[in-house]
C-alpha atoms as a PDB file:
ATOM      1  CA  MET A   1      20.295  10.762  -0.333  1.00  0.00           C
ATOM      2  CA  VAL A   2      16.591  10.034  -0.699  1.00  0.00           C
ATOM      3  CA  GLN A   3      15.776   6.787  -2.466  1.00  0.00           C
ATOM      4  CA  GLY A   4      12.408   5.949  -4.000  1.00  0.00           C
ATOM      5  CA  PRO A   5      11.141   9.550  -4.057  1.00  0.00           C
ATOM      6  CA  LEU A   6       7.526  10.527  -4.251  1.00  0.00           C
ATOM      7  CA  VAL A   7       6.729  11.375  -7.889  1.00  0.00           C
ATOM      8  CA  ARG A   8       3.802  13.319  -9.260  1.00  0.00           C
ATOM      9  CA  ALA A   9       1.851  12.068 -12.239  1.00  0.00           C
ATOM     10  CA  ALA A  10       1.963  14.299 -15.302  1.00  0.00           C
ATOM     11  CA  ARG A  11      -1.808  14.707 -15.458  1.00  0.00           C
ATOM     12  CA  PRO A  12      -3.446  13.491 -12.229  1.00  0.00           C
ATOM     13  CA  PRO A  13      -7.250  13.166 -12.106  1.00  0.00           C
ATOM     14  CA  GLY A  14      -7.537  16.061  -9.688  1.00  0.00           C
ATOM     15  CA  ARG A  15      -5.547  18.612  -7.752  1.00  0.00           C
ATOM     16  CA  HIS A  16      -2.661  17.687  -5.524  1.00  0.00           C
ATOM     17  CA  ARG A  17       0.205  19.277  -3.693  1.00  0.00           C
ATOM     18  CA  ALA A  18       3.288  18.212  -1.789  1.00  0.00           C
ATOM     19  CA  GLU A  19       4.057  19.435   1.706  1.00  0.00           C
ATOM     20  CA  ALA A  20       7.410  19.314   3.446  1.00  0.00           C
ATOM     21  CA  ARG A  21       7.393  16.987   6.391  1.00  0.00           C
ATOM     22  CA  ASN A  22       7.760  18.501   9.852  1.00  0.00           C
ATOM     23  CA  ALA A  23      11.102  18.025  11.586  1.00  0.00           C
ATOM     24  CA  ARG A  24      11.476  14.774  13.514  1.00  0.00           C
ATOM     25  CA  ARG A  25      10.641  15.097  17.181  1.00  0.00           C
ATOM     26  CA  PRO A  26      11.915  13.116  20.194  1.00  0.00           C
ATOM     27  CA  ARG A  27      10.008   9.949  20.959  1.00  0.00           C
ATOM     28  CA  TRP A  28       9.193  11.157  24.483  1.00  0.00           C
ATOM     29  CA  LEU A  29       7.031  13.805  22.876  1.00  0.00           C
ATOM     30  CA  GLY A  30       5.010  11.018  21.310  1.00  0.00           C
ATOM     31  CA  LEU A  31       4.367   9.548  24.743  1.00  0.00           C
ATOM     32  CA  VAL A  32       3.095  12.922  25.950  1.00  0.00           C
ATOM     33  CA  VAL A  33       0.869  13.181  22.883  1.00  0.00           C
ATOM     34  CA  MET A  34      -0.589   9.737  23.526  1.00  0.00           C
ATOM     35  CA  ALA A  35      -1.286  10.621  27.166  1.00  0.00           C
ATOM     36  CA  LEU A  36      -3.070  13.805  26.126  1.00  0.00           C
ATOM     37  CA  LEU A  37      -5.149  11.894  23.616  1.00  0.00           C
ATOM     38  CA  VAL A  38      -6.335   9.469  26.261  1.00  0.00           C
ATOM     39  CA  VAL A  39      -7.546  12.408  28.353  1.00  0.00           C
ATOM     40  CA  ALA A  40      -8.933  14.640  25.627  1.00  0.00           C
ATOM     41  CA  LEU A  41     -10.220  12.275  22.964  1.00  0.00           C
ATOM     42  CA  PRO A  42     -12.058   8.950  22.771  1.00  0.00           C
ATOM     43  CA  VAL A  43      -9.912   5.875  23.316  1.00  0.00           C
ATOM     44  CA  TRP A  44      -9.322   4.935  19.710  1.00  0.00           C
ATOM     45  CA  TRP A  45      -5.584   5.738  19.604  1.00  0.00           C
ATOM     46  CA  TRP A  46      -4.711   3.014  17.235  1.00  0.00           C
ATOM     47  CA  GLN A  47      -6.070  -0.389  17.338  1.00  0.00           C
ATOM     48  CA  ALA A  48      -5.055  -0.469  13.689  1.00  0.00           C
ATOM     49  CA  ARG A  49      -5.443  -4.063  12.655  1.00  0.00           C
ATOM     50  CA  PRO A  50      -4.065  -5.009   9.230  1.00  0.00           C
ATOM     51  CA  PHE A  51      -6.610  -5.352   6.460  1.00  0.00           C
ATOM     52  CA  ASP A  52      -6.597  -8.908   5.141  1.00  0.00           C
ATOM     53  CA  SER A  53      -7.121  -8.197   1.438  1.00  0.00           C
ATOM     54  CA  ARG A  54      -8.597 -10.692  -0.997  1.00  0.00           C
ATOM     55  CA  LEU A  55      -6.150 -12.642  -3.062  1.00  0.00           C
ATOM     56  CA  GLY A  56      -7.848 -11.191  -6.112  1.00  0.00           C
ATOM     57  CA  LEU A  57      -6.926 -13.935  -8.581  1.00  0.00           C
ATOM     58  CA  GLY A  58      -9.140 -13.866 -11.631  1.00  0.00           C
ATOM     59  CA  ALA A  59      -9.501 -13.149 -15.308  1.00  0.00           C
ATOM     60  CA  ASP A  60      -9.982  -9.370 -15.040  1.00  0.00           C
ATOM     61  CA  ALA A  61      -6.563  -7.755 -15.321  1.00  0.00           C
ATOM     62  CA  PRO A  62      -4.773  -5.152 -17.423  1.00  0.00           C
ATOM     63  CA  PRO A  63      -2.227  -6.122 -20.078  1.00  0.00           C
ATOM     64  CA  ALA A  64       1.003  -7.392 -18.536  1.00  0.00           C
ATOM     65  CA  GLY A  65       3.883  -5.019 -17.985  1.00  0.00           C
ATOM     66  CA  ILE A  66       2.009  -1.690 -17.869  1.00  0.00           C
ATOM     67  CA  GLY A  67       4.441   0.904 -16.524  1.00  0.00           C
ATOM     68  CA  ALA A  68       7.247  -1.602 -15.990  1.00  0.00           C
ATOM     69  CA  ALA A  69      10.891  -0.592 -16.286  1.00  0.00           C
ATOM     70  CA  GLN A  70      13.843  -2.917 -16.881  1.00  0.00           C
ATOM     71  CA  ALA A  71      15.397  -2.234 -13.477  1.00  0.00           C
ATOM     72  CA  PRO A  72      14.229  -1.086 -10.023  1.00  0.00           C
ATOM     73  CA  LEU A  73      13.235   2.570  -9.938  1.00  0.00           C
ATOM     74  CA  GLY A  74      14.899   3.135  -6.577  1.00  0.00           C
ATOM     75  CA  ALA A  75      16.797   1.339  -3.856  1.00  0.00           C
ATOM     76  CA  PRO A  76      16.250   1.095  -0.100  1.00  0.00           C
ATOM     77  CA  PRO A  77      18.734   3.011   2.058  1.00  0.00           C
ATOM     78  CA  ALA A  78      21.271   1.091   4.125  1.00  0.00           C
ATOM     79  CA  THR A  79      19.556  -0.829   6.911  1.00  0.00           C
ATOM     80  CA  PRO A  80      20.192   0.539  10.410  1.00  0.00           C
ATOM     81  CA  GLY A  81      21.589  -1.237  13.425  1.00  0.00           C
ATOM     82  CA  GLY A  82      19.503  -2.002  16.480  1.00  0.00           C
ATOM     83  CA  ARG A  83      17.359  -4.883  17.688  1.00  0.00           C
ATOM     84  CA  GLY A  84      13.921  -3.887  16.476  1.00  0.00           C
ATOM     85  CA  GLY A  85      11.994  -6.621  14.691  1.00  0.00           C
ATOM     86  CA  TYR A  86       9.556  -6.833  11.812  1.00  0.00           C
ATOM     87  CA  THR A  87       7.001  -9.242  10.379  1.00  0.00           C
ATOM     88  CA  PHE A  88       5.323  -9.486   6.978  1.00  0.00           C
ATOM     89  CA  MET A  89       1.669  -9.464   5.984  1.00  0.00           C
ATOM     90  CA  ARG A  90       1.949 -12.439   3.643  1.00  0.00           C
ATOM     91  CA  MET A  91       4.648 -14.913   2.659  1.00  0.00           C
ATOM     92  CA  GLN A  92       5.215 -16.771  -0.599  1.00  0.00           C
ATOM     93  CA  ALA A  93       4.223 -20.436  -0.766  1.00  0.00           C
ATOM     94  CA  ASP A  94       7.772 -21.515   0.110  1.00  0.00           C
ATOM     95  CA  GLY A  95       7.578 -19.566   3.367  1.00  0.00           C
ATOM     96  CA  THR A  96      10.966 -17.902   2.863  1.00  0.00           C
ATOM     97  CA  GLU A  97      10.207 -14.670   0.971  1.00  0.00           C
ATOM     98  CA  PRO A  98       7.537 -12.052   1.641  1.00  0.00           C
ATOM     99  CA  VAL A  99       4.973 -10.945  -0.911  1.00  0.00           C
ATOM    100  CA  ALA A 100       5.998  -7.479  -2.160  1.00  0.00           C
ATOM    101  CA  TYR A 101       5.371  -4.885  -4.838  1.00  0.00           C
ATOM    102  CA  ASP A 102       7.319  -4.903  -8.102  1.00  0.00           C
ATOM    103  CA  PRO A 103      10.138  -2.350  -7.562  1.00  0.00           C
ATOM    104  CA  CYS A 104      10.465  -1.876 -11.342  1.00  0.00           C
ATOM    105  CA  ARG A 105       7.202   0.027 -11.629  1.00  0.00           C
ATOM    106  CA  PRO A 106       5.797   2.883  -9.563  1.00  0.00           C
ATOM    107  CA  ILE A 107       3.080   2.441  -6.979  1.00  0.00           C
ATOM    108  CA  HIS A 108       0.362   4.868  -8.002  1.00  0.00           C
ATOM    109  CA  PHE A 109      -1.845   6.231  -5.219  1.00  0.00           C
ATOM    110  CA  THR A 110      -4.929   8.415  -5.005  1.00  0.00           C
ATOM    111  CA  THR A 111      -6.737  10.129  -2.137  1.00  0.00           C
ATOM    112  CA  SER A 112     -10.517  10.205  -1.936  1.00  0.00           C
ATOM    113  CA  THR A 113     -12.288  13.541  -1.656  1.00  0.00           C
ATOM    114  CA  VAL A 114     -15.102  11.790   0.231  1.00  0.00           C
ATOM    115  CA  GLY A 115     -14.743  12.797   3.883  1.00  0.00           C
ATOM    116  CA  LEU A 116     -11.329  14.394   3.312  1.00  0.00           C
ATOM    117  CA  PRO A 117     -10.561  16.637   6.320  1.00  0.00           C
ATOM    118  CA  GLU A 118      -8.722  19.923   6.080  1.00  0.00           C
ATOM    119  CA  GLY A 119      -5.041  19.082   5.913  1.00  0.00           C
ATOM    120  CA  GLY A 120      -5.731  15.454   5.067  1.00  0.00           C
ATOM    121  CA  ASP A 121      -4.231  15.605   1.566  1.00  0.00           C
ATOM    122  CA  ALA A 122      -0.967  17.108   2.852  1.00  0.00           C
ATOM    123  CA  LEU A 123      -0.872  14.534   5.655  1.00  0.00           C
ATOM    124  CA  VAL A 124      -1.093  11.692   3.134  1.00  0.00           C
ATOM    125  CA  HIS A 125       1.719  13.185   1.051  1.00  0.00           C
ATOM    126  CA  GLU A 126       4.029  13.456   4.055  1.00  0.00           C
ATOM    127  CA  ALA A 127       3.373   9.857   5.100  1.00  0.00           C
ATOM    128  CA  VAL A 128       3.789   8.459   1.578  1.00  0.00           C
ATOM    129  CA  ALA A 129       7.070  10.337   1.117  1.00  0.00           C
ATOM    130  CA  THR A 130       8.459   8.922   4.362  1.00  0.00           C
ATOM    131  CA  MET A 131       7.542   5.336   3.538  1.00  0.00           C
ATOM    132  CA  SER A 132       8.791   5.689  -0.036  1.00  0.00           C
ATOM    133  CA  GLU A 133      12.182   6.844   1.209  1.00  0.00           C
ATOM    134  CA  ALA A 134      12.401   4.049   3.791  1.00  0.00           C
ATOM    135  CA  SER A 135      11.494   1.278   1.315  1.00  0.00           C
ATOM    136  CA  GLY A 136      13.072   2.571  -1.898  1.00  0.00           C
ATOM    137  CA  LEU A 137       9.761   1.996  -3.694  1.00  0.00           C
ATOM    138  CA  ARG A 138       8.703   4.784  -6.058  1.00  0.00           C
ATOM    139  CA  PHE A 139       5.258   6.261  -5.447  1.00  0.00           C
ATOM    140  CA  VAL A 140       3.358   8.403  -7.964  1.00  0.00           C
ATOM    141  CA  ASP A 141       0.547  10.732  -6.898  1.00  0.00           C
ATOM    142  CA  ASP A 142      -2.504  10.422  -9.129  1.00  0.00           C
ATOM    143  CA  GLY A 143      -4.241  13.266  -7.290  1.00  0.00           C
ATOM    144  CA  LEU A 144      -7.715  13.227  -5.795  1.00  0.00           C
ATOM    145  CA  THR A 145     -10.540  10.865  -6.694  1.00  0.00           C
ATOM    146  CA  ASP A 146     -14.279  10.793  -6.043  1.00  0.00           C
ATOM    147  CA  GLU A 147     -14.229   6.997  -5.691  1.00  0.00           C
ATOM    148  CA  PRO A 148     -16.310   6.231  -2.563  1.00  0.00           C
ATOM    149  CA  PRO A 149     -14.941   3.961   0.195  1.00  0.00           C
ATOM    150  CA  THR A 150     -16.221   0.374   0.050  1.00  0.00           C
ATOM    151  CA  PRO A 151     -15.084  -2.747   1.953  1.00  0.00           C
ATOM    152  CA  ASP A 152     -14.439  -4.804  -1.203  1.00  0.00           C
ATOM    153  CA  ARG A 153     -12.465  -2.733  -3.658  1.00  0.00           C
ATOM    154  CA  ASP A 154     -11.613  -4.104  -7.087  1.00  0.00           C
ATOM    155  CA  PRO A 155      -7.874  -3.803  -7.885  1.00  0.00           C
ATOM    156  CA  TYR A 156      -8.724  -3.376 -11.576  1.00  0.00           C
ATOM    157  CA  GLN A 157     -11.151  -0.573 -12.476  1.00  0.00           C
ATOM    158  CA  PRO A 158     -10.591   0.324 -16.149  1.00  0.00           C
ATOM    159  CA  ASP A 159     -13.666   2.553 -16.396  1.00  0.00           C
ATOM    160  CA  ARG A 160     -12.333   4.809 -13.637  1.00  0.00           C
ATOM    161  CA  TYR A 161      -8.541   4.518 -13.856  1.00  0.00           C
ATOM    162  CA  GLY A 162      -7.821   3.190 -17.326  1.00  0.00           C
ATOM    163  CA  ASP A 163      -6.294  -0.082 -18.487  1.00  0.00           C
ATOM    164  CA  ARG A 164      -3.898  -0.583 -15.572  1.00  0.00           C
ATOM    165  CA  TRP A 165      -4.024  -1.742 -11.981  1.00  0.00           C
ATOM    166  CA  ALA A 166      -6.061   0.685  -9.879  1.00  0.00           C
ATOM    167  CA  PRO A 167      -3.935   3.005  -7.734  1.00  0.00           C
ATOM    168  CA  VAL A 168      -3.574   2.458  -4.006  1.00  0.00           C
ATOM    169  CA  TYR A 169      -6.654   4.104  -2.537  1.00  0.00           C
ATOM    170  CA  ILE A 170      -6.484   6.264   0.609  1.00  0.00           C
ATOM    171  CA  SER A 171      -9.699   7.475   2.185  1.00  0.00           C
ATOM    172  CA  PHE A 172     -11.068   9.020   5.370  1.00  0.00           C
ATOM    173  CA  ALA A 173     -14.161   6.957   6.019  1.00  0.00           C
ATOM    174  CA  THR A 174     -16.768   6.166   8.672  1.00  0.00           C
ATOM    175  CA  PRO A 175     -17.691   2.831  10.282  1.00  0.00           C
ATOM    176  CA  ASP A 176     -20.932   2.949   8.294  1.00  0.00           C
ATOM    177  CA  GLN A 177     -18.878   2.880   5.095  1.00  0.00           C
ATOM    178  CA  ILE A 178     -16.135   0.526   6.358  1.00  0.00           C
ATOM    179  CA  PRO A 179     -17.574  -1.613   9.186  1.00  0.00           C
ATOM    180  CA  ARG A 180     -14.149  -2.738  10.390  1.00  0.00           C
ATOM    181  CA  LEU A 181     -13.429   0.819  11.497  1.00  0.00           C
ATOM    182  CA  ALA A 182     -15.986   0.334  14.274  1.00  0.00           C
ATOM    183  CA  GLY A 183     -14.976  -0.371  17.848  1.00  0.00           C
ATOM    184  CA  GLY A 184     -12.037   2.016  18.185  1.00  0.00           C
ATOM    185  CA  THR A 185     -10.041   1.075  15.084  1.00  0.00           C
ATOM    186  CA  ILE A 186      -8.502   4.244  13.678  1.00  0.00           C
ATOM    187  CA  GLY A 187      -7.013   2.743  10.520  1.00  0.00           C
ATOM    188  CA  LEU A 188      -6.835  -0.264   8.220  1.00  0.00           C
ATOM    189  CA  GLY A 189      -4.420  -0.967   5.391  1.00  0.00           C
ATOM    190  CA  GLY A 190      -3.377  -3.756   3.070  1.00  0.00           C
ATOM    191  CA  SER A 191      -2.730  -4.785  -0.517  1.00  0.00           C
ATOM    192  CA  THR A 192      -4.113  -7.256  -3.033  1.00  0.00           C
ATOM    193  CA  PRO A 193      -1.690  -9.773  -4.624  1.00  0.00           C
ATOM    194  CA  ARG A 194      -1.917 -11.434  -8.000  1.00  0.00           C
ATOM    195  CA  ALA A 195       0.016 -14.479  -9.153  1.00  0.00           C
ATOM    196  CA  ALA A 196       2.732 -14.136 -11.800  1.00  0.00           C
ATOM    197  CA  ASP A 197       3.291 -16.803 -14.447  1.00  0.00           C
ATOM    198  CA  ASP A 198       5.377 -18.933 -12.090  1.00  0.00           C
ATOM    199  CA  GLY A 199       2.925 -18.622  -9.201  1.00  0.00           C
ATOM    200  CA  VAL A 200       4.886 -15.984  -7.280  1.00  0.00           C
ATOM    201  CA  LEU A 201       2.528 -13.494  -5.647  1.00  0.00           C
ATOM    202  CA  VAL A 202       3.022  -9.777  -6.275  1.00  0.00           C
ATOM    203  CA  TYR A 203       1.050  -6.906  -4.783  1.00  0.00           C
ATOM    204  CA  VAL A 204      -0.741  -4.903  -7.488  1.00  0.00           C
ATOM    205  CA  SER A 205      -2.945  -2.446  -5.567  1.00  0.00           C
ATOM    206  CA  GLY A 206      -4.067  -1.654  -2.052  1.00  0.00           C
ATOM    207  CA  SER A 207      -6.246   0.438   0.235  1.00  0.00           C
ATOM    208  CA  VAL A 208      -5.892   2.567   3.352  1.00  0.00           C
ATOM    209  CA  TRP A 209      -9.011   3.420   5.316  1.00  0.00           C
ATOM    210  CA  LEU A 210      -8.699   6.007   8.086  1.00  0.00           C
ATOM    211  CA  ASP A 211     -11.406   6.807  10.603  1.00  0.00           C
ATOM    212  CA  ARG A 212     -12.623  10.205   9.437  1.00  0.00           C
ATOM    213  CA  ASP A 213     -13.789  11.553  12.789  1.00  0.00           C
ATOM    214  CA  ALA A 214     -10.770  10.309  14.758  1.00  0.00           C
ATOM    215  CA  MET A 215      -8.263  11.673  12.252  1.00  0.00           C
ATOM    216  CA  THR A 216     -10.097  14.986  12.014  1.00  0.00           C
ATOM    217  CA  ALA A 217     -10.003  15.280  15.811  1.00  0.00           C
ATOM    218  CA  LEU A 218      -6.249  14.649  15.843  1.00  0.00           C
ATOM    219  CA  LEU A 219      -5.619  17.323  13.221  1.00  0.00           C
ATOM    220  CA  ARG A 220      -7.868  19.880  14.898  1.00  0.00           C
ATOM    221  CA  ALA A 221      -6.170  19.218  18.242  1.00  0.00           C
ATOM    222  CA  GLY A 222      -2.775  19.946  16.691  1.00  0.00           C
ATOM    223  CA  ARG A 223      -1.621  16.321  17.005  1.00  0.00           C
ATOM    224  CA  HIS A 224      -0.093  16.280  13.529  1.00  0.00           C
ATOM    225  CA  ASP A 225       2.730  13.861  14.385  1.00  0.00           C
ATOM    226  CA  SER A 226       0.286  11.340  15.796  1.00  0.00           C
ATOM    227  CA  ALA A 227      -2.017  11.646  12.779  1.00  0.00           C
ATOM    228  CA  ARG A 228       0.911  11.250  10.381  1.00  0.00           C
ATOM    229  CA  ALA A 229       2.139   8.173  12.267  1.00  0.00           C
ATOM    230  CA  VAL A 230      -1.261   6.518  11.811  1.00  0.00           C
ATOM    231  CA  VAL A 231      -1.084   7.051   8.040  1.00  0.00           C
ATOM    232  CA  GLU A 232       2.532   5.828   7.907  1.00  0.00           C
ATOM    233  CA  HIS A 233       1.554   2.725   9.886  1.00  0.00           C
ATOM    234  CA  GLU A 234      -1.214   1.870   7.433  1.00  0.00           C
ATOM    235  CA  ILE A 235       1.010   2.501   4.409  1.00  0.00           C
ATOM    236  CA  GLY A 236       3.440   0.109   6.085  1.00  0.00           C
ATOM    237  CA  HIS A 237       0.695  -2.515   5.883  1.00  0.00           C
ATOM    238  CA  VAL A 238       0.122  -1.637   2.222  1.00  0.00           C
ATOM    239  CA  ILE A 239       3.811  -2.139   1.417  1.00  0.00           C
ATOM    240  CA  GLY A 240       3.740  -5.461   3.262  1.00  0.00           C
ATOM    241  CA  LEU A 241       4.666  -5.030   6.938  1.00  0.00           C
ATOM    242  CA  ASN A 242       2.583  -6.663   9.661  1.00  0.00           C
ATOM    243  CA  HIS A 243       2.367  -5.833  13.363  1.00  0.00           C
ATOM    244  CA  VAL A 244       5.072  -6.317  15.965  1.00  0.00           C
ATOM    245  CA  SER A 245       4.766  -6.322  19.755  1.00  0.00           C
ATOM    246  CA  ASP A 246       7.666  -3.877  20.253  1.00  0.00           C
ATOM    247  CA  GLY A 247       6.165  -0.519  21.244  1.00  0.00           C
ATOM    248  CA  SER A 248       9.207   1.376  19.974  1.00  0.00           C
ATOM    249  CA  GLN A 249       8.404   0.491  16.347  1.00  0.00           C
ATOM    250  CA  LEU A 250       6.022   2.278  14.004  1.00  0.00           C
ATOM    251  CA  MET A 251       4.349  -1.074  13.262  1.00  0.00           C
ATOM    252  CA  SER A 252       3.590  -1.782  16.910  1.00  0.00           C
ATOM    253  CA  GLU A 253       0.156  -3.360  17.262  1.00  0.00           C
ATOM    254  CA  SER A 254      -0.723  -1.058  20.167  1.00  0.00           C
ATOM    255  CA  GLY A 255       0.501   2.292  18.831  1.00  0.00           C
ATOM    256  CA  GLY A 256       4.216   2.925  18.510  1.00  0.00           C
ATOM    257  CA  ALA A 257       6.707   5.590  17.451  1.00  0.00           C
ATOM    258  CA  VAL A 258       5.325   8.857  16.155  1.00  0.00           C
ATOM    259  CA  ASP A 259       8.595  10.022  14.588  1.00  0.00           C
ATOM    260  CA  GLY A 260       8.604   7.693  11.598  1.00  0.00           C
ATOM    261  CA  PRO A 261       9.845   4.149  10.974  1.00  0.00           C
ATOM    262  CA  ALA A 262      12.228   2.794  13.627  1.00  0.00           C
ATOM    263  CA  ASP A 263      15.116   0.352  13.147  1.00  0.00           C
ATOM    264  CA  GLY A 264      13.038  -2.809  12.823  1.00  0.00           C
ATOM    265  CA  ASP A 265      10.506  -1.136  10.554  1.00  0.00           C
ATOM    266  CA  ARG A 266      13.313   0.033   8.274  1.00  0.00           C
ATOM    267  CA  ARG A 267      14.882  -3.416   8.026  1.00  0.00           C
ATOM    268  CA  GLY A 268      11.561  -4.914   7.021  1.00  0.00           C
ATOM    269  CA  LEU A 269      10.840  -2.137   4.535  1.00  0.00           C
ATOM    270  CA  ALA A 270      14.269  -2.590   2.955  1.00  0.00           C
ATOM    271  CA  ILE A 271      13.534  -6.267   2.341  1.00  0.00           C
ATOM    272  CA  LEU A 272      10.161  -5.435   0.805  1.00  0.00           C
ATOM    273  CA  GLY A 273      11.790  -2.808  -1.402  1.00  0.00           C
ATOM    274  CA  ARG A 274      14.078  -5.427  -2.934  1.00  0.00           C
ATOM    275  CA  GLY A 275      11.370  -7.584  -4.490  1.00  0.00           C
ATOM    276  CA  GLY A 276      11.770  -8.995  -7.964  1.00  0.00           C
ATOM    277  CA  CYS A 277      10.753  -7.259 -11.206  1.00  0.00           C
ATOM    278  CA  ARG A 278       7.655  -8.931 -12.677  1.00  0.00           C
ATOM    279  CA  PRO A 279       6.815  -7.604 -16.167  1.00  0.00           C
ATOM    280  CA  ASP A 280       4.526 -10.643 -16.612  1.00  0.00           C
ATOM    281  CA  LEU A 281       1.869  -8.973 -14.423  1.00  0.00           C
END
C-alpha cells in the first residue's frame, strides 16, 4: 500500500501531468549505465553535494498553521532489513533528532519552465512519487512556474505564491545561474528550516537545482533511470538525508543505486517522515 501519495493541487499555476514510473531494474544495469556515461558523456555523473540552505530565521513569514491538519497525512512504510546506513542534513540543537518537515501538512512543489528539457516534468513527477512513498510525506504538485533559478531563494514569496511558505522549487539550471553547479556537479538540493515557538527547527521550503545540459544529455541518451536517480537523490536532500559512503545507497556521495532508495535510504526517510506536527509555524 502506498503511503504519502503524490497529490495534485486543485488549481495549480500551470499545466502538469503524472507519469507512471518505469519498472525497477536490476542494480547491475545501473553499473552498465554508469560505465556508458563515462565513455559517452562528460564526467559529471553525480558529484551532487548537498545544498547548505540558509537558516532563514526572520520576521517575514506566513500566518502560522497554513494547510496544517490535526494528524499526519501519511505514514512511512515498514522499514526494511539490511545494513545500509543513513545520515541527516541537519540535527536539532540537542543532537538527537533530525530536522524534518511537518508531516501534518503537504509539501507543495513546483517545477520551473526555465530550461525545462523535454521529459523533465514527467521525470520530476516520477522522482517525487518515489520519495513520497518511501518517506510517507504527502507532496502536492503546484504545476509549472516561471520563477527563475537563483542561488538565494526566499522561502516566503507572497507576491508569487500567496500567503504561505513557497513551494519546493525544482529547476534545470546552468552554472551561470547557479554557480555551484560548475565543476561537474549535476545536482544540488536542500531545505530551509524555521524555528517553532519552542526553538525546534522545521523545514518549510526547499530547492532542487539540476544541471540542465547534463540532465538533457542523459534523457536524450535514453538513460532515464540514471536521470531519475539524480532527481531522487536531490529530493532526498530536500527531505533531510545527507550523503553516505556506501555506494549501494541512493544517497551515496559518489553516485549510487539507480533503482530507487535502498535499505539505508529507506530507514532514514522513515525517520524523517515521522517528524512532529507543528501548527505554530
